[in-house]
């Protein structure tokens, strides 16, 4: 019985670690989402197209033109990050949160009963 209790404690600890890891991953994902500011590559492409259109058609001061060029550069850098965030979200959704550990714990409980 002591061995079963010890094994059960180890499994519960592993479940806790999995939950903690999942929380950290979710926090990182949310932080990345906030830093990018866009949820899809189409939104980024649309914003780049809007900026390019404005640069070609409007008369704007040089300072504003430089800021728009800088924003376009940042958007192009962030574009791959959006797909990376989508992949992380998919991985987080399909992530195992310790179901196998719970099954083992229930088996241990049945043995002890």
PDB file of N, CA and C in Angstrom:
ATOM      1  N   UNK A   1       0.839  -1.191   0.000  1.00  0.00           N
ATOM      2  CA  UNK A   1       0.000   0.000   0.000  1.00  0.00           C
ATOM      3  C   UNK A   1       0.877   1.246   0.000  1.00  0.00           C
ATOM      4  N   UNK A   2       1.990   1.207   0.741  1.00  0.00           N
ATOM      5  CA  UNK A   2       2.896   2.357   0.777  1.00  0.00           C
ATOM      6  C   UNK A   2       3.454   2.653  -0.614  1.00  0.00           C
ATOM      7  N   UNK A   3       3.793   1.580  -1.346  1.00  0.00           N
ATOM      8  CA  UNK A   3       4.321   1.776  -2.699  1.00  0.00           C
ATOM      9  C   UNK A   3       3.263   2.409  -3.603  1.00  0.00           C
ATOM     10  N   UNK A   4       2.020   1.971  -3.444  1.00  0.00           N
ATOM     11  CA  UNK A   4       0.942   2.528  -4.262  1.00  0.00           C
ATOM     12  C   UNK A   4       0.720   4.005  -3.933  1.00  0.00           C
ATOM     13  N   UNK A   5       0.755   4.327  -2.636  1.00  0.00           N
ATOM     14  CA  UNK A   5       0.583   5.721  -2.215  1.00  0.00           C
ATOM     15  C   UNK A   5       1.731   6.583  -2.750  1.00  0.00           C
ATOM     16  N   UNK A   6       2.953   6.041  -2.699  1.00  0.00           N
ATOM     17  CA  UNK A   6       4.116   6.767  -3.204  1.00  0.00           C
ATOM     18  C   UNK A   6       3.974   7.004  -4.713  1.00  0.00           C
ATOM     19  N   UNK A   7       3.558   5.975  -5.427  1.00  0.00           N
ATOM     20  CA  UNK A   7       3.371   6.088  -6.878  1.00  0.00           C
ATOM     21  C   UNK A   7       2.264   7.096  -7.204  1.00  0.00           C
ATOM     22  N   UNK A   8       1.206   7.064  -6.412  1.00  0.00           N
ATOM     23  CA  UNK A   8       0.101   8.004  -6.611  1.00  0.00           C
ATOM     24  C   UNK A   8       0.583   9.446  -6.399  1.00  0.00           C
ATOM     25  N   UNK A   9       1.404   9.656  -5.373  1.00  0.00           N
ATOM     26  CA  UNK A   9       1.954  10.985  -5.112  1.00  0.00           C
ATOM     27  C   UNK A   9       2.826  11.469  -6.259  1.00  0.00           C
ATOM     28  N   UNK A  10       3.639  10.563  -6.817  1.00  0.00           N
ATOM     29  CA  UNK A  10       4.484  10.928  -7.953  1.00  0.00           C
ATOM     30  C   UNK A  10       3.642  11.317  -9.163  1.00  0.00           C
ATOM     31  N   UNK A  11       2.578  10.574  -9.396  1.00  0.00           N
ATOM     32  CA  UNK A  11       1.708  10.869 -10.536  1.00  0.00           C
ATOM     33  C   UNK A  11       1.002  12.211 -10.353  1.00  0.00           C
ATOM     34  N   UNK A  12       0.556  12.489  -9.133  1.00  0.00           N
ATOM     35  CA  UNK A  12      -0.104  13.767  -8.874  1.00  0.00           C
ATOM     36  C   UNK A  12       0.871  14.930  -9.053  1.00  0.00           C
ATOM     37  N   UNK A  13       2.115  14.706  -8.645  1.00  0.00           N
ATOM     38  CA  UNK A  13       3.135  15.725  -8.838  1.00  0.00           C
ATOM     39  C   UNK A  13       3.377  15.962 -10.325  1.00  0.00           C
ATOM     40  N   UNK A  14       3.406  14.893 -11.116  1.00  0.00           N
ATOM     41  CA  UNK A  14       3.608  15.010 -12.560  1.00  0.00           C
ATOM     42  C   UNK A  14       2.440  15.757 -13.210  1.00  0.00           C
ATOM     43  N   UNK A  15       1.224  15.495 -12.742  1.00  0.00           N
ATOM     44  CA  UNK A  15       0.052  16.208 -13.268  1.00  0.00           C
ATOM     45  C   UNK A  15       0.181  17.703 -12.967  1.00  0.00           C
ATOM     46  N   UNK A  16       0.601  18.023 -11.758  1.00  0.00           N
ATOM     47  CA  UNK A  16       0.791  19.425 -11.381  1.00  0.00           C
ATOM     48  C   UNK A  16       1.832  20.106 -12.254  1.00  0.00           C
ATOM     49  N   UNK A  17       2.910  19.398 -12.538  1.00  0.00           N
ATOM     50  CA  UNK A  17       3.952  19.955 -13.396  1.00  0.00           C
ATOM     51  C   UNK A  17       3.422  20.184 -14.811  1.00  0.00           C
ATOM     52  N   UNK A  18       2.625  19.255 -15.311  1.00  0.00           N
ATOM     53  CA  UNK A  18       2.036  19.399 -16.647  1.00  0.00           C
ATOM     54  C   UNK A  18       1.125  20.624 -16.693  1.00  0.00           C
ATOM     55  N   UNK A  19       0.313  20.805 -15.649  1.00  0.00           N
ATOM     56  CA  UNK A  19      -0.575  21.961 -15.598  1.00  0.00           C
ATOM     57  C   UNK A  19       0.221  23.256 -15.575  1.00  0.00           C
ATOM     58  N   UNK A  20       1.290  23.282 -14.781  1.00  0.00           N
ATOM     59  CA  UNK A  20       2.138  24.462 -14.685  1.00  0.00           C
ATOM     60  C   UNK A  20       2.769  24.773 -16.042  1.00  0.00           C
ATOM     61  N   UNK A  21       3.245  23.735 -16.707  1.00  0.00           N
ATOM     62  CA  UNK A  21       3.854  23.902 -18.027  1.00  0.00           C
ATOM     63  C   UNK A  21       2.834  24.460 -19.025  1.00  0.00           C
ATOM     64  N   UNK A  22       1.629  23.952 -18.975  1.00  0.00           N
ATOM     65  CA  UNK A  22       0.568  24.434 -19.853  1.00  0.00           C
ATOM     66  C   UNK A  22       0.239  25.893 -19.596  1.00  0.00           C
ATOM     67  N   UNK A  23       0.207  26.278 -18.335  1.00  0.00           N
ATOM     68  CA  UNK A  23      -0.066  27.670 -17.980  1.00  0.00           C
ATOM     69  C   UNK A  23       1.030  28.586 -18.498  1.00  0.00           C
ATOM     70  N   UNK A  24       2.277  28.167 -18.348  1.00  0.00           N
ATOM     71  CA  UNK A  24       3.398  28.967 -18.838  1.00  0.00           C
ATOM     72  C   UNK A  24       3.346  29.109 -20.357  1.00  0.00           C
ATOM     73  N   UNK A  25       3.020  28.013 -21.040  1.00  0.00           N
ATOM     74  CA  UNK A  25       2.918  28.070 -22.500  1.00  0.00           C
ATOM     75  C   UNK A  25       1.795  29.017 -22.926  1.00  0.00           C
ATOM     76  N   UNK A  26       0.671  28.960 -22.239  1.00  0.00           N
ATOM     77  CA  UNK A  26      -0.456  29.836 -22.565  1.00  0.00           C
ATOM     78  C   UNK A  26      -0.077  31.302 -22.338  1.00  0.00           C
ATOM     79  N   UNK A  27       0.644  31.578 -21.257  1.00  0.00           N
ATOM     80  CA  UNK A  27       1.077  32.945 -20.982  1.00  0.00           C
ATOM     81  C   UNK A  27       2.026  33.451 -22.060  1.00  0.00           C
ATOM     82  N   UNK A  28       2.966  32.604 -22.479  1.00  0.00           N
ATOM     83  CA  UNK A  28       3.887  32.984 -23.551  1.00  0.00           C
ATOM     84  C   UNK A  28       3.127  33.274 -24.838  1.00  0.00           C
ATOM     85  N   UNK A  29       2.166  32.434 -25.135  1.00  0.00           N
ATOM     86  CA  UNK A  29       1.367  32.596 -26.347  1.00  0.00           C
ATOM     87  C   UNK A  29       0.607  33.918 -26.316  1.00  0.00           C
ATOM     88  N   UNK A  30       0.000  34.238 -25.188  1.00  0.00           N
ATOM     89  CA  UNK A  30      -0.738  35.496 -25.067  1.00  0.00           C
ATOM     90  C   UNK A  30       0.190  36.695 -25.195  1.00  0.00           C
ATOM     91  N   UNK A  31       1.384  36.578 -24.624  1.00  0.00           N
ATOM     92  CA  UNK A  31       2.358  37.664 -24.727  1.00  0.00           C
ATOM     93  C   UNK A  31       2.769  37.877 -26.191  1.00  0.00           C
ATOM     94  N   UNK A  32       2.979  36.787 -26.921  1.00  0.00           N
ATOM     95  CA  UNK A  32       3.335  36.893 -28.340  1.00  0.00           C
ATOM     96  C   UNK A  32       2.196  37.532 -29.138  1.00  0.00           C
ATOM     97  N   UNK A  33       0.961  37.130 -28.833  1.00  0.00           N
ATOM     98  CA  UNK A  33      -0.191  37.694 -29.539  1.00  0.00           C
ATOM     99  C   UNK A  33      -0.262  39.211 -29.343  1.00  0.00           C
ATOM    100  N   UNK A  34      -0.051  39.648 -28.103  1.00  0.00           N
ATOM    101  CA  UNK A  34      -0.111  41.077 -27.817  1.00  0.00           C
ATOM    102  C   UNK A  34       1.006  41.828 -28.524  1.00  0.00           C
ATOM    103  N   UNK A  35       2.200  41.234 -28.608  1.00  0.00           N
ATOM    104  CA  UNK A  35       3.318  41.936 -29.232  1.00  0.00           C
ATOM    105  C   UNK A  35       3.129  42.060 -30.739  1.00  0.00           C
ATOM    106  N   UNK A  36       2.462  41.099 -31.365  1.00  0.00           N
ATOM    107  CA  UNK A  36       2.251  41.156 -32.807  1.00  0.00           C
ATOM    108  C   UNK A  36       1.130  42.134 -33.148  1.00  0.00           C
ATOM    109  N   UNK A  37       0.024  42.027 -32.450  1.00  0.00           N
ATOM    110  CA  UNK A  37      -1.075  42.954 -32.662  1.00  0.00           C
ATOM    111  C   UNK A  37      -2.034  42.546 -33.769  1.00  0.00           C
ATOM    112  N   UNK A  38      -1.706  41.534 -34.545  1.00  0.00           N
ATOM    113  CA  UNK A  38      -2.575  41.066 -35.610  1.00  0.00           C
ATOM    114  C   UNK A  38      -2.861  39.587 -35.388  1.00  0.00           C
ATOM    115  N   UNK A  39      -4.041  39.141 -35.840  1.00  0.00           N
ATOM    116  CA  UNK A  39      -4.413  37.749 -35.609  1.00  0.00           C
ATOM    117  C   UNK A  39      -4.261  36.876 -36.849  1.00  0.00           C
ATOM    118  N   UNK A  40      -4.068  37.500 -38.025  1.00  0.00           N
ATOM    119  CA  UNK A  40      -3.914  36.686 -39.229  1.00  0.00           C
ATOM    120  C   UNK A  40      -2.948  37.363 -40.206  1.00  0.00           C
ATOM    121  N   UNK A  41      -2.406  36.549 -41.081  1.00  0.00           N
ATOM    122  CA  UNK A  41      -1.487  37.077 -42.090  1.00  0.00           C
ATOM    123  C   UNK A  41      -2.230  37.982 -43.071  1.00  0.00           C
ATOM    124  N   UNK A  42      -3.511  37.706 -43.299  1.00  0.00           N
ATOM    125  CA  UNK A  42      -4.296  38.539 -44.205  1.00  0.00           C
ATOM    126  C   UNK A  42      -4.423  39.966 -43.664  1.00  0.00           C
ATOM    127  N   UNK A  43      -4.593  40.096 -42.357  1.00  0.00           N
ATOM    128  CA  UNK A  43      -4.674  41.432 -41.751  1.00  0.00           C
ATOM    129  C   UNK A  43      -3.372  42.187 -41.957  1.00  0.00           C
ATOM    130  N   UNK A  44      -2.255  41.504 -41.781  1.00  0.00           N
ATOM    131  CA  UNK A  44      -0.949  42.139 -41.977  1.00  0.00           C
ATOM    132  C   UNK A  44      -0.791  42.544 -43.443  1.00  0.00           C
ATOM    133  N   UNK A  45      -1.146  41.641 -44.357  1.00  0.00           N
ATOM    134  CA  UNK A  45      -1.054  41.957 -45.783  1.00  0.00           C
ATOM    135  C   UNK A  45      -1.927  43.157 -46.137  1.00  0.00           C
ATOM    136  N   UNK A  46      -3.109  43.210 -45.550  1.00  0.00           N
ATOM    137  CA  UNK A  46      -4.021  44.322 -45.820  1.00  0.00           C
ATOM    138  C   UNK A  46      -3.435  45.637 -45.315  1.00  0.00           C
ATOM    139  N   UNK A  47      -2.856  45.609 -44.124  1.00  0.00           N
ATOM    140  CA  UNK A  47      -2.251  46.821 -43.562  1.00  0.00           C
ATOM    141  C   UNK A  47      -1.071  47.273 -44.425  1.00  0.00           C
ATOM    142  N   UNK A  48      -0.248  46.347 -44.890  1.00  0.00           N
ATOM    143  CA  UNK A  48       0.877  46.686 -45.764  1.00  0.00           C
ATOM    144  C   UNK A  48       0.356  47.303 -47.064  1.00  0.00           C
ATOM    145  N   UNK A  49      -0.694  46.712 -47.628  1.00  0.00           N
ATOM    146  CA  UNK A  49      -1.281  47.243 -48.862  1.00  0.00           C
ATOM    147  C   UNK A  49      -1.829  48.655 -48.639  1.00  0.00           C
ATOM    148  N   UNK A  50      -2.464  48.880 -47.490  1.00  0.00           N
ATOM    149  CA  UNK A  50      -2.988  50.213 -47.175  1.00  0.00           C
ATOM    150  C   UNK A  50      -1.860  51.232 -47.088  1.00  0.00           C
ATOM    151  N   UNK A  51      -0.778  50.855 -46.434  1.00  0.00           N
ATOM    152  CA  UNK A  51       0.362  51.764 -46.287  1.00  0.00           C
ATOM    153  C   UNK A  51       0.968  52.067 -47.657  1.00  0.00           C
ATOM    154  N   UNK A  52       1.160  51.017 -48.466  1.00  0.00           N
ATOM    155  CA  UNK A  52       1.734  51.223 -49.801  1.00  0.00           C
ATOM    156  C   UNK A  52       0.844  52.141 -50.642  1.00  0.00           C
ATOM    157  N   UNK A  53      -0.463  51.949 -50.551  1.00  0.00           N
ATOM    158  CA  UNK A  53      -1.390  52.788 -51.288  1.00  0.00           C
ATOM    159  C   UNK A  53      -1.271  54.244 -50.834  1.00  0.00           C
ATOM    160  N   UNK A  54      -1.190  54.430 -49.522  1.00  0.00           N
ATOM    161  CA  UNK A  54      -1.076  55.784 -48.976  1.00  0.00           C
ATOM    162  C   UNK A  54       0.226  56.442 -49.441  1.00  0.00           C
ATOM    163  N   UNK A  55       1.307  55.671 -49.429  1.00  0.00           N
ATOM    164  CA  UNK A  55       2.596  56.222 -49.859  1.00  0.00           C
ATOM    165  C   UNK A  55       2.569  56.620 -51.337  1.00  0.00           C
ATOM    166  N   UNK A  56       1.860  55.867 -52.142  1.00  0.00           N
ATOM    167  CA  UNK A  56       1.830  56.129 -53.584  1.00  0.00           C
ATOM    168  C   UNK A  56       0.869  57.244 -53.974  1.00  0.00           C
ATOM    169  N   UNK A  57      -0.185  57.438 -53.197  1.00  0.00           N
ATOM    170  CA  UNK A  57      -1.230  58.371 -53.628  1.00  0.00           C
ATOM    171  C   UNK A  57      -1.273  59.670 -52.833  1.00  0.00           C
ATOM    172  N   UNK A  58      -0.862  59.655 -51.587  1.00  0.00           N
ATOM    173  CA  UNK A  58      -0.973  60.847 -50.749  1.00  0.00           C
ATOM    174  C   UNK A  58       0.331  61.644 -50.766  1.00  0.00           C
ATOM    175  N   UNK A  59       0.184  62.921 -50.488  1.00  0.00           N
ATOM    176  CA  UNK A  59       1.346  63.770 -50.282  1.00  0.00           C
ATOM    177  C   UNK A  59       1.539  63.865 -48.772  1.00  0.00           C
ATOM    178  N   UNK A  60       2.628  63.268 -48.293  1.00  0.00           N
ATOM    179  CA  UNK A  60       2.852  63.233 -46.855  1.00  0.00           C
ATOM    180  C   UNK A  60       4.266  63.722 -46.554  1.00  0.00           C
ATOM    181  N   UNK A  61       4.459  64.255 -45.364  1.00  0.00           N
ATOM    182  CA  UNK A  61       5.801  64.723 -44.986  1.00  0.00           C
ATOM    183  C   UNK A  61       6.791  63.558 -44.926  1.00  0.00           C
ATOM    184  N   UNK A  62       8.052  63.869 -45.089  1.00  0.00           N
ATOM    185  CA  UNK A  62       9.105  62.860 -45.109  1.00  0.00           C
ATOM    186  C   UNK A  62       9.149  62.065 -43.803  1.00  0.00           C
ATOM    187  N   UNK A  63       8.978  62.741 -42.685  1.00  0.00           N
ATOM    188  CA  UNK A  63       9.012  62.068 -41.388  1.00  0.00           C
ATOM    189  C   UNK A  63       7.926  60.998 -41.309  1.00  0.00           C
ATOM    190  N   UNK A  64       6.705  61.339 -41.723  1.00  0.00           N
ATOM    191  CA  UNK A  64       5.604  60.375 -41.693  1.00  0.00           C
ATOM    192  C   UNK A  64       5.868  59.231 -42.671  1.00  0.00           C
ATOM    193  N   UNK A  65       6.451  59.555 -43.818  1.00  0.00           N
ATOM    194  CA  UNK A  65       6.777  58.515 -44.798  1.00  0.00           C
ATOM    195  C   UNK A  65       7.785  57.524 -44.212  1.00  0.00           C
ATOM    196  N   UNK A  66       8.767  58.031 -43.511  1.00  0.00           N
ATOM    197  CA  UNK A  66       9.759  57.157 -42.870  1.00  0.00           C
ATOM    198  C   UNK A  66       9.106  56.278 -41.808  1.00  0.00           C
ATOM    199  N   UNK A  67       8.182  56.849 -41.036  1.00  0.00           N
ATOM    200  CA  UNK A  67       7.483  56.061 -40.017  1.00  0.00           C
ATOM    201  C   UNK A  67       6.657  54.952 -40.657  1.00  0.00           C
ATOM    202  N   UNK A  68       5.997  55.268 -41.778  1.00  0.00           N
ATOM    203  CA  UNK A  68       5.206  54.261 -42.472  1.00  0.00           C
ATOM    204  C   UNK A  68       6.097  53.162 -43.046  1.00  0.00           C
ATOM    205  N   UNK A  69       7.249  53.533 -43.569  1.00  0.00           N
ATOM    206  CA  UNK A  69       8.186  52.539 -44.098  1.00  0.00           C
ATOM    207  C   UNK A  69       8.678  51.627 -42.966  1.00  0.00           C
ATOM    208  N   UNK A  70       8.942  52.239 -41.799  1.00  0.00           N
ATOM    209  CA  UNK A  70       9.375  51.459 -40.643  1.00  0.00           C
ATOM    210  C   UNK A  70       8.270  50.491 -40.205  1.00  0.00           C
ATOM    211  N   UNK A  71       7.032  50.963 -40.193  1.00  0.00           N
ATOM    212  CA  UNK A  71       5.902  50.103 -39.820  1.00  0.00           C
ATOM    213  C   UNK A  71       5.764  48.941 -40.800  1.00  0.00           C
ATOM    214  N   UNK A  72       5.926  49.220 -42.097  1.00  0.00           N
ATOM    215  CA  UNK A  72       5.854  48.146 -43.102  1.00  0.00           C
ATOM    216  C   UNK A  72       6.942  47.110 -42.859  1.00  0.00           C
ATOM    217  N   UNK A  73       8.129  47.579 -42.510  1.00  0.00           N
ATOM    218  CA  UNK A  73       9.241  46.667 -42.231  1.00  0.00           C
ATOM    219  C   UNK A  73       8.917  45.776 -41.028  1.00  0.00           C
ATOM    220  N   UNK A  74       8.371  46.371 -39.981  1.00  0.00           N
ATOM    221  CA  UNK A  74       7.982  45.610 -38.793  1.00  0.00           C
ATOM    222  C   UNK A  74       6.889  44.593 -39.124  1.00  0.00           C
ATOM    223  N   UNK A  75       5.936  45.008 -39.930  1.00  0.00           N
ATOM    224  CA  UNK A  75       4.853  44.101 -40.305  1.00  0.00           C
ATOM    225  C   UNK A  75       5.392  42.906 -41.080  1.00  0.00           C
ATOM    226  N   UNK A  76       6.328  43.165 -41.979  1.00  0.00           N
ATOM    227  CA  UNK A  76       6.910  42.059 -42.747  1.00  0.00           C
ATOM    228  C   UNK A  76       7.687  41.111 -41.839  1.00  0.00           C
ATOM    229  N   UNK A  77       8.334  41.657 -40.811  1.00  0.00           N
ATOM    230  CA  UNK A  77       9.060  40.808 -39.852  1.00  0.00           C
ATOM    231  C   UNK A  77       8.095  39.981 -39.001  1.00  0.00           C
ATOM    232  N   UNK A  78       6.961  40.572 -38.649  1.00  0.00           N
ATOM    233  CA  UNK A  78       5.998  39.895 -37.779  1.00  0.00           C
ATOM    234  C   UNK A  78       5.121  38.892 -38.516  1.00  0.00           C
ATOM    235  N   UNK A  79       5.080  38.968 -39.834  1.00  0.00           N
ATOM    236  CA  UNK A  79       4.201  38.083 -40.606  1.00  0.00           C
ATOM    237  C   UNK A  79       4.465  36.599 -40.308  1.00  0.00           C
ATOM    238  N   UNK A  80       5.721  36.122 -40.306  1.00  0.00           N
ATOM    239  CA  UNK A  80       5.944  34.697 -39.975  1.00  0.00           C
ATOM    240  C   UNK A  80       5.577  34.349 -38.533  1.00  0.00           C
ATOM    241  N   UNK A  81       5.654  35.329 -37.656  1.00  0.00           N
ATOM    242  CA  UNK A  81       5.327  35.074 -36.259  1.00  0.00           C
ATOM    243  C   UNK A  81       3.856  34.709 -36.089  1.00  0.00           C
ATOM    244  N   UNK A  82       2.992  35.263 -36.941  1.00  0.00           N
ATOM    245  CA  UNK A  82       1.559  34.973 -36.844  1.00  0.00           C
ATOM    246  C   UNK A  82       1.312  33.490 -37.084  1.00  0.00           C
ATOM    247  N   UNK A  83       1.951  32.925 -38.113  1.00  0.00           N
ATOM    248  CA  UNK A  83       1.753  31.500 -38.380  1.00  0.00           C
ATOM    249  C   UNK A  83       2.359  30.658 -37.251  1.00  0.00           C
ATOM    250  N   UNK A  84       3.467  31.145 -36.677  1.00  0.00           N
ATOM    251  CA  UNK A  84       4.073  30.442 -35.542  1.00  0.00           C
ATOM    252  C   UNK A  84       3.108  30.428 -34.354  1.00  0.00           C
ATOM    253  N   UNK A  85       2.450  31.544 -34.105  1.00  0.00           N
ATOM    254  CA  UNK A  85       1.474  31.630 -33.011  1.00  0.00           C
ATOM    255  C   UNK A  85       0.312  30.678 -33.280  1.00  0.00           C
ATOM    256  N   UNK A  86      -0.147  30.614 -34.527  1.00  0.00           N
ATOM    257  CA  UNK A  86      -1.235  29.687 -34.871  1.00  0.00           C
ATOM    258  C   UNK A  86      -0.811  28.248 -34.606  1.00  0.00           C
ATOM    259  N   UNK A  87       0.431  27.898 -34.961  1.00  0.00           N
ATOM    260  CA  UNK A  87       0.934  26.542 -34.708  1.00  0.00           C
ATOM    261  C   UNK A  87       1.004  26.257 -33.209  1.00  0.00           C
ATOM    262  N   UNK A  88       1.460  27.240 -32.433  1.00  0.00           N
ATOM    263  CA  UNK A  88       1.521  27.064 -30.981  1.00  0.00           C
ATOM    264  C   UNK A  88       0.123  26.868 -30.396  1.00  0.00           C
ATOM    265  N   UNK A  89      -0.849  27.642 -30.901  1.00  0.00           N
ATOM    266  CA  UNK A  89      -2.219  27.490 -30.418  1.00  0.00           C
ATOM    267  C   UNK A  89      -2.744  26.090 -30.705  1.00  0.00           C
ATOM    268  N   UNK A  90      -2.463  25.600 -31.910  1.00  0.00           N
ATOM    269  CA  UNK A  90      -2.917  24.262 -32.277  1.00  0.00           C
ATOM    270  C   UNK A  90      -2.245  23.214 -31.385  1.00  0.00           C
ATOM    271  N   UNK A  91      -0.959  23.386 -31.136  1.00  0.00           N
ATOM    272  CA  UNK A  91      -0.240  22.460 -30.269  1.00  0.00           C
ATOM    273  C   UNK A  91      -0.763  22.494 -28.847  1.00  0.00           C
ATOM    274  N   UNK A  92      -1.115  23.672 -28.387  1.00  0.00           N
ATOM    275  CA  UNK A  92      -1.634  23.824 -27.031  1.00  0.00           C
ATOM    276  C   UNK A  92      -3.022  23.182 -26.916  1.00  0.00           C
ATOM    277  N   UNK A  93      -3.802  23.279 -27.984  1.00  0.00           N
ATOM    278  CA  UNK A  93      -5.157  22.707 -27.960  1.00  0.00           C
ATOM    279  C   UNK A  93      -5.104  21.178 -27.937  1.00  0.00           C
ATOM    280  N   UNK A  94      -4.138  20.592 -28.615  1.00  0.00           N
ATOM    281  CA  UNK A  94      -4.064  19.129 -28.684  1.00  0.00           C
ATOM    282  C   UNK A  94      -3.137  18.550 -27.623  1.00  0.00           C
ATOM    283  N   UNK A  95      -2.634  19.386 -26.751  1.00  0.00           N
ATOM    284  CA  UNK A  95      -1.671  18.964 -25.737  1.00  0.00           C
ATOM    285  C   UNK A  95      -2.316  18.059 -24.692  1.00  0.00           C
ATOM    286  N   UNK A  96      -1.602  17.003 -24.312  1.00  0.00           N
ATOM    287  CA  UNK A  96      -2.074  16.076 -23.281  1.00  0.00           C
ATOM    288  C   UNK A  96      -1.807  16.708 -21.916  1.00  0.00           C
ATOM    289  N   UNK A  97      -2.840  16.885 -21.132  1.00  0.00           N
ATOM    290  CA  UNK A  97      -2.687  17.512 -19.818  1.00  0.00           C
ATOM    291  C   UNK A  97      -2.655  16.482 -18.694  1.00  0.00           C
ATOM    292  N   UNK A  98      -2.186  15.298 -18.997  1.00  0.00           N
ATOM    293  CA  UNK A  98      -2.013  14.303 -17.952  1.00  0.00           C
ATOM    294  C   UNK A  98      -3.116  13.277 -17.869  1.00  0.00           C
ATOM    295  N   UNK A  99      -3.804  13.010 -18.948  1.00  0.00           N
ATOM    296  CA  UNK A  99      -4.888  12.021 -18.918  1.00  0.00           C
ATOM    297  C   UNK A  99      -4.349  10.633 -18.582  1.00  0.00           C
ATOM    298  N   UNK A 100      -3.180  10.309 -19.113  1.00  0.00           N
ATOM    299  CA  UNK A 100      -2.604   8.990 -18.825  1.00  0.00           C
ATOM    300  C   UNK A 100      -2.249   8.877 -17.342  1.00  0.00           C
ATOM    301  N   UNK A 101      -1.783   9.988 -16.755  1.00  0.00           N
ATOM    302  CA  UNK A 101      -1.474   9.974 -15.319  1.00  0.00           C
ATOM    303  C   UNK A 101      -2.743   9.757 -14.502  1.00  0.00           C
ATOM    304  N   UNK A 102      -3.834  10.413 -14.917  1.00  0.00           N
ATOM    305  CA  UNK A 102      -5.098  10.264 -14.195  1.00  0.00           C
ATOM    306  C   UNK A 102      -5.600   8.823 -14.285  1.00  0.00           C
ATOM    307  N   UNK A 103      -5.434   8.214 -15.460  1.00  0.00           N
ATOM    308  CA  UNK A 103      -5.835   6.812 -15.619  1.00  0.00           C
ATOM    309  C   UNK A 103      -5.041   5.916 -14.667  1.00  0.00           C
ATOM    310  N   UNK A 104      -3.742   6.189 -14.552  1.00  0.00           N
ATOM    311  CA  UNK A 104      -2.912   5.394 -13.656  1.00  0.00           C
ATOM    312  C   UNK A 104      -3.330   5.586 -12.198  1.00  0.00           C
ATOM    313  N   UNK A 105      -3.664   6.833 -11.848  1.00  0.00           N
ATOM    314  CA  UNK A 105      -4.094   7.108 -10.479  1.00  0.00           C
ATOM    315  C   UNK A 105      -5.405   6.376 -10.175  1.00  0.00           C
ATOM    316  N   UNK A 106      -6.337   6.379 -11.132  1.00  0.00           N
ATOM    317  CA  UNK A 106      -7.594   5.672 -10.898  1.00  0.00           C
ATOM    318  C   UNK A 106      -7.353   4.168 -10.776  1.00  0.00           C
ATOM    319  N   UNK A 107      -6.397   3.637 -11.548  1.00  0.00           N
ATOM    320  CA  UNK A 107      -6.063   2.221 -11.432  1.00  0.00           C
ATOM    321  C   UNK A 107      -5.471   1.921 -10.046  1.00  0.00           C
ATOM    322  N   UNK A 108      -4.626   2.808  -9.549  1.00  0.00           N
ATOM    323  CA  UNK A 108      -4.049   2.645  -8.222  1.00  0.00           C
ATOM    324  C   UNK A 108      -5.153   2.696  -7.156  1.00  0.00           C
ATOM    325  N   UNK A 109      -6.089   3.621  -7.319  1.00  0.00           N
ATOM    326  CA  UNK A 109      -7.205   3.721  -6.378  1.00  0.00           C
ATOM    327  C   UNK A 109      -8.022   2.446  -6.343  1.00  0.00           C
ATOM    328  N   UNK A 110      -8.228   1.842  -7.517  1.00  0.00           N
ATOM    329  CA  UNK A 110      -8.980   0.593  -7.579  1.00  0.00           C
ATOM    330  C   UNK A 110      -8.221  -0.530  -6.877  1.00  0.00           C
ATOM    331  N   UNK A 111      -6.896  -0.522  -7.059  1.00  0.00           N
ATOM    332  CA  UNK A 111      -6.085  -1.573  -6.389  1.00  0.00           C
ATOM    333  C   UNK A 111      -6.156  -1.421  -4.882  1.00  0.00           C
ATOM    334  N   UNK A 112      -6.138  -0.189  -4.409  1.00  0.00           N
ATOM    335  CA  UNK A 112      -6.150   0.060  -2.960  1.00  0.00           C
ATOM    336  C   UNK A 112      -7.516  -0.247  -2.353  1.00  0.00           C
ATOM    337  N   UNK A 113      -8.565  -0.144  -3.137  1.00  0.00           N
ATOM    338  CA  UNK A 113      -9.918  -0.347  -2.602  1.00  0.00           C
ATOM    339  C   UNK A 113     -10.222  -1.801  -2.354  1.00  0.00           C
TER     340      UNK A 113
END
